Protein backbone atom coordinates (compact mmCIF):
# COMPACT_ATOMS: atom_id res chain seq x y z
CA MET A 1 -44.09 -71.21 -33.66
CA ASN A 2 -47.50 -71.51 -34.40
CA VAL A 3 -49.57 -68.37 -33.91
CA ASN A 4 -52.75 -70.74 -33.13
CA SER A 5 -50.77 -71.73 -29.81
CA GLU A 6 -51.24 -68.13 -28.30
CA ASN A 7 -54.81 -68.58 -27.34
CA ILE A 8 -56.03 -65.83 -29.33
CA ASN A 9 -59.02 -65.96 -31.48
CA TYR A 10 -58.55 -64.84 -35.16
CA SER A 11 -61.27 -66.49 -36.35
CA SER A 12 -63.86 -63.70 -35.67
CA LYS A 13 -63.29 -60.35 -36.89
CA PRO A 14 -61.92 -57.44 -34.41
CA LYS A 15 -64.87 -55.53 -33.05
CA THR A 16 -62.94 -52.44 -31.60
CA PHE A 17 -59.83 -52.39 -33.19
CA ASN A 18 -59.32 -50.49 -36.59
CA ASN A 19 -63.20 -49.47 -36.12
CA PRO A 20 -64.05 -46.08 -37.23
CA GLU A 21 -66.77 -45.94 -34.63
CA ARG A 22 -64.69 -47.02 -31.80
CA TYR A 23 -62.05 -46.27 -29.38
CA ILE A 24 -60.68 -46.77 -26.27
CA GLU A 25 -61.13 -44.72 -23.08
CA GLY A 26 -58.13 -43.27 -21.73
CA TRP A 27 -56.19 -40.06 -21.51
CA TYR A 28 -55.62 -38.34 -24.86
CA TRP A 29 -53.56 -35.27 -25.84
CA VAL A 30 -55.26 -32.07 -26.34
CA ILE A 31 -52.77 -28.95 -27.10
CA PRO A 32 -49.05 -28.31 -25.97
CA SER A 33 -48.97 -26.39 -22.87
CA ASP A 34 -47.67 -23.27 -24.61
CA LYS A 35 -50.15 -23.18 -26.74
CA LEU A 36 -52.71 -22.12 -24.20
CA GLN A 37 -51.46 -18.71 -21.96
CA VAL A 38 -53.43 -17.45 -18.82
CA GLY A 39 -56.35 -16.14 -19.79
CA GLN A 40 -56.61 -17.74 -23.05
CA LEU A 41 -59.97 -19.33 -24.53
CA LYS A 42 -59.74 -22.01 -27.19
CA GLN A 43 -62.34 -24.11 -29.08
CA ILE A 44 -61.22 -27.74 -29.43
CA ASN A 45 -62.12 -30.91 -31.26
CA ILE A 46 -61.19 -34.46 -29.34
CA LEU A 47 -62.36 -37.41 -30.66
CA GLY A 48 -65.13 -36.03 -32.57
CA ARG A 49 -66.67 -34.00 -29.51
CA GLU A 50 -66.71 -30.37 -29.48
CA LEU A 51 -65.21 -28.41 -26.52
CA VAL A 52 -63.37 -25.31 -25.27
CA ILE A 53 -60.52 -25.01 -23.05
CA TYR A 54 -59.18 -22.61 -21.02
CA ARG A 55 -56.38 -21.26 -18.71
CA GLY A 56 -58.21 -19.40 -15.93
CA LYS A 57 -55.59 -17.19 -12.95
CA ASP A 58 -54.38 -20.15 -11.32
CA LYS A 59 -52.67 -21.06 -14.48
CA GLN A 60 -54.57 -24.30 -14.53
CA PRO A 61 -56.23 -25.50 -17.60
CA VAL A 62 -59.98 -26.53 -17.47
CA ILE A 63 -61.95 -28.44 -20.39
CA LEU A 64 -65.68 -28.17 -20.83
CA ASP A 65 -68.21 -29.04 -23.33
CA ALA A 66 -68.53 -26.20 -25.82
CA TYR A 67 -72.05 -24.80 -25.57
CA CYS A 68 -73.92 -23.18 -22.85
CA PRO A 69 -77.03 -25.27 -21.22
CA HIS A 70 -78.62 -22.08 -21.25
CA MET A 71 -79.77 -21.60 -24.72
CA GLY A 72 -77.03 -23.76 -26.93
CA ALA A 73 -74.82 -20.40 -27.36
CA HIS A 74 -71.13 -21.38 -28.04
CA LEU A 75 -68.71 -20.55 -25.28
CA VAL A 76 -65.74 -19.81 -27.32
CA ALA A 77 -66.89 -16.22 -27.85
CA GLY A 78 -67.07 -15.86 -23.94
CA LYS A 79 -64.30 -14.77 -21.57
CA VAL A 80 -62.40 -15.87 -19.01
CA GLU A 81 -62.54 -13.92 -15.52
CA GLY A 82 -60.03 -14.80 -13.23
CA ASN A 83 -60.51 -18.80 -13.09
CA GLU A 84 -64.39 -18.77 -14.17
CA LEU A 85 -65.72 -18.52 -17.87
CA ARG A 86 -68.61 -16.26 -18.79
CA CYS A 87 -70.52 -16.80 -22.00
CA PHE A 88 -70.84 -13.79 -24.18
CA PHE A 89 -74.17 -14.24 -25.09
CA HIS A 90 -76.40 -13.97 -21.77
CA GLN A 91 -73.46 -13.46 -19.42
CA TRP A 92 -74.09 -16.69 -17.59
CA LYS A 93 -70.81 -17.48 -15.58
CA PHE A 94 -69.58 -21.15 -14.73
CA ASP A 95 -66.85 -21.86 -12.38
CA SER A 96 -63.87 -24.43 -13.18
CA THR A 97 -66.16 -27.34 -11.69
CA GLY A 98 -68.94 -25.99 -14.11
CA ILE A 99 -71.09 -24.93 -12.11
CA CYS A 100 -73.39 -21.70 -12.67
CA VAL A 101 -72.29 -19.09 -10.33
CA ALA A 102 -73.89 -16.22 -11.93
CA VAL A 103 -76.48 -14.81 -13.96
CA PRO A 104 -77.36 -11.01 -14.85
CA CYS A 105 -80.73 -9.83 -13.63
CA VAL A 106 -81.57 -12.75 -10.69
CA SER A 107 -80.03 -12.81 -7.43
CA GLU A 108 -79.47 -16.54 -7.72
CA PRO A 109 -78.51 -18.22 -10.24
CA PRO A 110 -80.09 -21.49 -11.36
CA LEU A 111 -78.86 -25.21 -10.45
CA VAL A 112 -77.22 -25.77 -13.44
CA LYS A 113 -73.80 -27.86 -14.20
CA LEU A 114 -72.00 -27.58 -17.30
CA LYS A 115 -69.99 -30.80 -18.25
CA THR A 116 -66.49 -30.54 -17.32
CA TRP A 117 -64.04 -33.22 -18.40
CA PRO A 118 -60.89 -34.48 -16.15
CA THR A 119 -57.82 -32.68 -17.24
CA VAL A 120 -54.07 -32.90 -16.52
CA GLU A 121 -50.94 -31.17 -17.85
CA LYS A 122 -48.02 -33.06 -18.37
CA TYR A 123 -44.95 -33.57 -20.38
CA GLN A 124 -45.45 -30.12 -21.67
CA MET A 125 -48.58 -31.41 -22.94
CA ILE A 126 -52.62 -30.73 -21.63
CA TRP A 127 -54.08 -33.75 -21.50
CA ILE A 128 -58.02 -35.24 -21.36
CA TRP A 129 -59.75 -37.97 -19.82
CA THR A 130 -62.65 -39.16 -21.87
CA GLY A 131 -64.87 -40.83 -19.61
CA GLU A 132 -66.26 -39.77 -16.37
CA ILE A 133 -63.49 -40.77 -13.37
CA PRO A 134 -60.15 -41.57 -14.15
CA GLN A 135 -59.45 -45.32 -13.54
CA HIS A 136 -55.59 -44.29 -13.25
CA PRO A 137 -53.02 -41.35 -13.31
CA LEU A 138 -51.50 -40.26 -16.40
CA SER A 139 -47.85 -42.09 -16.87
CA LEU A 140 -46.53 -43.24 -20.46
CA MET A 141 -44.63 -46.16 -18.81
CA PRO A 142 -43.83 -47.35 -15.60
CA ASN A 143 -41.05 -45.81 -13.70
CA LEU A 144 -40.88 -43.17 -16.42
CA ASP A 145 -41.91 -40.77 -14.14
CA GLU A 146 -39.12 -41.29 -11.30
CA HIS A 147 -36.81 -38.71 -13.45
CA LYS A 148 -37.28 -35.25 -15.16
CA HIS A 149 -36.99 -35.59 -18.73
CA ASP A 150 -36.20 -32.62 -21.49
CA VAL A 151 -39.40 -32.73 -24.03
CA ILE A 152 -39.16 -31.07 -27.83
CA PHE A 153 -42.31 -31.75 -30.22
CA GLY A 154 -41.90 -33.19 -33.59
CA ASN A 155 -44.45 -32.42 -36.21
CA PHE A 156 -48.18 -32.99 -36.15
CA SER A 157 -49.52 -34.72 -38.78
CA THR A 158 -53.10 -36.15 -40.50
CA ILE A 159 -52.43 -39.88 -41.78
CA ASP A 160 -55.20 -41.93 -43.56
CA CYS A 161 -55.77 -44.60 -41.43
CA HIS A 162 -56.87 -45.82 -38.01
CA PRO A 163 -54.75 -45.26 -35.11
CA HIS A 164 -54.75 -48.80 -34.40
CA VAL A 165 -53.16 -49.65 -37.76
CA LEU A 166 -50.86 -46.89 -37.16
CA MET A 167 -49.71 -48.42 -33.52
CA THR A 168 -48.99 -51.98 -35.40
CA ASN A 169 -45.76 -50.35 -36.99
CA ALA A 170 -43.49 -50.09 -34.43
CA ILE A 171 -44.09 -54.06 -34.02
CA ASP A 172 -44.21 -55.00 -37.33
CA THR A 173 -41.23 -57.36 -37.60
CA GLN A 174 -41.85 -58.50 -41.22
CA TYR A 175 -41.72 -54.87 -41.82
CA PHE A 176 -38.50 -54.19 -39.81
CA ASN A 177 -36.29 -57.66 -40.63
CA THR A 178 -37.68 -57.00 -44.83
CA ILE A 179 -37.21 -52.91 -45.01
CA HIS A 180 -34.67 -52.57 -42.59
CA PRO A 181 -32.55 -55.29 -42.72
CA PRO A 182 -28.96 -53.50 -41.69
CA LEU A 183 -30.73 -52.92 -38.62
CA ALA A 184 -31.46 -56.30 -37.04
CA GLN A 185 -33.44 -59.31 -37.16
CA VAL A 186 -36.13 -58.15 -34.81
CA ARG A 187 -38.24 -60.33 -32.39
CA PHE A 188 -40.76 -59.19 -29.68
CA GLU A 189 -42.09 -60.60 -26.31
CA LYS A 190 -44.84 -58.81 -24.79
CA GLU A 191 -45.58 -58.10 -21.37
CA GLU A 192 -48.94 -56.89 -20.38
CA VAL A 193 -47.98 -54.30 -17.11
CA ASN A 194 -51.40 -54.07 -16.51
CA ASN A 195 -55.29 -53.70 -17.87
CA TYR A 196 -54.06 -50.57 -19.94
CA ALA A 197 -50.86 -51.11 -20.87
CA ILE A 198 -48.91 -53.52 -22.78
CA ILE A 199 -45.31 -53.66 -23.53
CA PHE A 200 -43.32 -55.31 -26.28
CA ASP A 201 -39.52 -56.03 -25.65
CA ASN A 202 -37.14 -56.70 -28.47
CA VAL A 203 -35.38 -60.00 -27.46
CA THR A 204 -32.91 -60.16 -30.77
CA CYS A 205 -30.01 -62.50 -29.70
CA SER A 206 -26.33 -60.25 -29.79
CA GLU A 207 -25.26 -62.74 -32.77
CA GLU A 208 -28.36 -61.95 -34.72
CA PHE A 209 -27.38 -58.10 -35.34
CA SER A 210 -26.22 -56.88 -38.45
CA PRO A 211 -22.61 -55.41 -39.32
CA LEU A 212 -23.84 -52.22 -38.33
CA ILE A 213 -25.19 -52.55 -34.82
CA LYS A 214 -22.21 -54.68 -34.12
CA LEU A 215 -19.83 -52.12 -34.97
CA LEU A 216 -22.03 -49.54 -32.64
CA ARG A 217 -21.97 -52.01 -29.84
CA ARG A 218 -17.66 -52.05 -30.06
CA LEU A 219 -17.98 -48.29 -29.40
CA TYR A 220 -20.78 -48.57 -27.37
CA LYS A 221 -20.09 -51.68 -24.75
CA SER A 222 -23.94 -51.21 -23.14
CA SER A 223 -26.34 -53.43 -24.73
CA ILE A 224 -29.15 -51.81 -26.83
CA THR A 225 -32.52 -51.23 -25.96
CA TYR A 226 -35.80 -51.04 -28.48
CA SER A 227 -39.40 -51.46 -26.49
CA VAL A 228 -42.61 -50.21 -27.37
CA CYS A 229 -45.03 -49.79 -24.87
CA TYR A 230 -48.67 -49.25 -25.80
CA LEU A 231 -51.63 -47.24 -23.56
CA TYR A 232 -55.28 -46.86 -24.95
CA GLY A 233 -54.30 -48.63 -28.72
CA ALA A 234 -53.40 -44.75 -29.50
CA ILE A 235 -49.81 -43.80 -27.54
CA GLY A 236 -47.21 -45.79 -28.63
CA ILE A 237 -43.72 -45.03 -26.33
CA ILE A 238 -40.49 -46.26 -28.16
CA THR A 239 -37.70 -46.93 -25.78
CA LEU A 240 -34.47 -46.39 -27.82
CA GLY A 241 -30.55 -46.27 -26.60
CA PHE A 242 -28.48 -47.96 -24.36
CA HIS A 243 -28.59 -48.83 -20.39
CA SER A 244 -27.48 -44.78 -19.51
CA LEU A 245 -28.99 -43.04 -22.56
CA ARG A 246 -32.40 -44.04 -23.07
CA ILE A 247 -34.94 -41.53 -25.62
CA TYR A 248 -38.50 -42.09 -25.87
CA ILE A 249 -40.41 -41.29 -28.76
CA ILE A 250 -44.06 -40.91 -28.42
CA PHE A 251 -46.41 -41.10 -31.00
CA SER A 252 -49.68 -39.80 -29.55
CA THR A 253 -52.82 -40.23 -31.74
CA ARG A 254 -56.50 -39.46 -31.80
CA MET A 255 -59.21 -40.74 -33.77
CA ARG A 256 -60.63 -38.48 -36.71
CA GLU A 257 -63.92 -38.72 -38.82
CA PHE A 258 -63.98 -42.08 -41.04
CA GLY A 259 -60.91 -43.87 -38.90
CA ARG A 260 -58.47 -41.21 -39.79
CA SER A 261 -55.51 -40.68 -37.39
CA GLU A 262 -54.33 -37.05 -36.17
CA VAL A 263 -50.78 -38.17 -34.61
CA GLN A 264 -48.55 -35.79 -32.54
CA THR A 265 -44.94 -36.95 -31.84
CA PHE A 266 -42.95 -35.69 -29.06
CA TYR A 267 -39.50 -36.96 -27.69
CA MET A 268 -37.97 -36.77 -24.14
CA ILE A 269 -34.61 -37.82 -22.62
CA ARG A 270 -33.24 -37.88 -18.79
CA ARG A 271 -32.43 -34.41 -17.76
CA ARG A 272 -29.22 -34.02 -16.49
CA LYS A 273 -27.24 -31.30 -14.71
CA GLY A 274 -25.05 -28.72 -16.33
CA ILE A 275 -24.93 -26.85 -19.79
CA LEU A 276 -23.00 -29.80 -21.38
CA SER A 277 -25.44 -32.15 -20.50
CA PHE A 278 -28.30 -30.23 -22.04
CA LEU A 279 -26.64 -29.33 -25.05
CA ASN A 280 -26.12 -32.97 -25.40
CA ASN A 281 -29.41 -34.02 -24.77
CA ARG A 282 -30.70 -31.51 -27.76
CA ILE A 283 -28.45 -33.26 -29.76
CA TRP A 284 -29.99 -36.40 -29.27
CA LEU A 285 -33.17 -35.18 -29.17
CA TRP A 286 -32.85 -33.28 -32.30
CA LEU A 287 -30.97 -36.43 -34.29
CA THR A 288 -34.09 -38.20 -33.07
CA ARG A 289 -36.49 -36.26 -34.88
CA ILE A 290 -34.73 -35.94 -37.90
CA VAL A 291 -34.08 -39.67 -38.22
CA THR A 292 -38.02 -40.53 -36.97
CA ARG A 293 -39.37 -38.01 -39.59
CA SER A 294 -37.51 -39.79 -42.55
CA PHE A 295 -39.07 -43.21 -41.20
CA ILE A 296 -42.33 -41.48 -41.25
CA ASP A 297 -42.44 -40.51 -44.50
CA LEU A 298 -41.58 -43.84 -45.68
CA ASN A 299 -44.34 -45.26 -43.65
CA ASN A 300 -46.81 -43.07 -45.00
CA LYS A 301 -46.35 -44.23 -48.54
CA ALA A 302 -47.98 -47.96 -47.17
CA PHE A 303 -50.61 -46.38 -45.11
CA ARG A 304 -52.02 -44.25 -47.10
CA ARG A 305 -53.67 -46.25 -49.79
CA MET A 306 -53.99 -49.28 -47.01
CA ARG A 307 -56.74 -51.24 -46.52
CA PHE A 308 -55.68 -53.12 -42.98
CA ASP A 309 -57.34 -56.81 -43.12
CA LEU A 310 -54.95 -59.13 -41.72
CA GLN A 311 -56.66 -62.84 -43.44
CA TYR A 312 -53.13 -64.85 -43.41
CA PRO A 313 -51.44 -64.18 -40.35
CA ILE A 314 -47.68 -65.71 -40.15
CA ASP A 315 -45.33 -66.58 -37.42
CA GLN A 316 -43.68 -62.97 -37.67
CA ASP A 317 -47.26 -61.44 -37.19
CA LEU A 318 -47.76 -62.48 -33.75
CA PRO A 319 -46.76 -59.09 -31.81
CA ILE A 320 -49.75 -57.45 -34.05
CA LEU A 321 -52.27 -60.06 -33.20
CA GLN A 322 -51.02 -59.80 -29.24
CA LEU A 323 -51.72 -56.12 -29.77
CA ILE A 324 -55.21 -56.66 -31.26
CA ASP A 325 -56.37 -58.59 -28.57
CA TYR A 326 -55.41 -56.43 -25.98
CA ILE A 327 -57.18 -53.72 -27.63
CA GLU A 328 -60.38 -56.21 -27.99
CA LYS A 329 -60.01 -56.27 -23.93
CA GLN A 330 -60.31 -52.64 -23.16
CA LYS A 331 -63.30 -50.44 -22.56
CA PRO A 332 -65.02 -48.91 -26.00
CA LEU A 333 -66.57 -46.19 -26.47
CA ASN A 334 -68.20 -44.73 -29.28
CA TRP A 335 -66.40 -42.01 -31.12
CA GLN A 336 -68.06 -38.42 -30.94
CA THR A 337 -70.81 -39.50 -28.46
CA TRP A 338 -68.19 -41.11 -26.18
CA ASN A 339 -70.89 -43.42 -24.82
CA LEU A 340 -69.66 -46.91 -23.40
CA VAL A 341 -70.43 -49.46 -26.68
CA ARG A 342 -73.12 -51.25 -24.86
CA SER A 343 -73.34 -54.18 -27.44
CA ARG A 344 -69.71 -55.67 -28.74
CA ASP A 345 -71.29 -57.46 -32.09
CA VAL A 346 -72.09 -54.06 -34.21
CA GLU A 347 -70.77 -54.20 -37.48
CA VAL A 348 -67.64 -52.28 -38.47
CA PRO A 349 -69.24 -49.32 -40.75
CA LYS A 350 -67.30 -49.15 -44.14
CA LYS A 351 -65.25 -46.58 -44.45
CA ARG A 352 -65.94 -43.62 -47.04
CA ASP A 353 -63.89 -42.01 -49.42
CA TYR A 354 -62.50 -38.56 -48.62
CA ARG A 355 -59.83 -36.15 -49.43
CA LEU A 356 -56.81 -35.45 -46.69
CA ASP A 357 -57.60 -32.65 -44.49
CA GLU A 358 -54.61 -31.03 -42.57
CA THR A 359 -56.80 -28.85 -40.59
CA ILE A 360 -55.16 -29.12 -36.67
CA ASN A 361 -57.00 -28.09 -33.26
CA ASP A 362 -54.69 -24.95 -32.21
């Protein structure tokens, strides 16, 4: 295979991929649902932007800009009243759409609207859309929402590389075939599902499986599935298992300052009736979390000091090149301002040296 036959331009340097000043418009995780109770108000920092989140009496999460439009007081010092938020400083009150509905000492509140952001609660997680109007509903994979799933969360971590670079690991055939040869000689074919999702399916032939995998196939006759779905270059969903047993490993990332990554992993399996099915699901999810944690620890050794610069691609790098090409076609926003990138010719700024900061939004 000649990688240059895929109609991908490798000669010019990517302008969005691995750029510490850019990310892709889309849905991004905020906090797990159980971390926000009714009447609770929290400060969060997402992709460089300071926000507040609260849950009103109607149990719906609301995300707003962090500063009161009147005089700039931080709203995290305020309080939730019903489904509304009252600023601590001058007691201005805003409804869940951001409209100012009450100001003490005046009969008519001024026509002021605090910026709110599209928010959904799904997969036991609260998510935010970083643009004005969501271009599509949140769905991690095609057909995934046809069934209910059990969910458990893995570790939160901060990794010293850009989310885009981190995403390449799941389709790095050289990595699989060199570091993990006991599994199989992996090969991928891509499928662009729509303008924001791309899937890479493993197409390894049965005779190419390792003795370990062949033994597992004797014990379990169904074909083995390994595929990776990407959304916005920031969410990677690995599907692993057999026809009747599919485990979904989700790596949901956000970019931090200087192009670092915040990563929240969680695991899903189709929910079935009965206590035995519940216990079986928990065992599979627990085992998957343990194995995934060991892979993450191993990968961190490579990413911690990595300066990604793919200069000499070979055939096995084709999935990574296809992922880069997909990200370059997405809608880029500026980190911190969340404004649309107007020029696609801005140079990628150099990264600074820094120490790892393990602070999280909670």
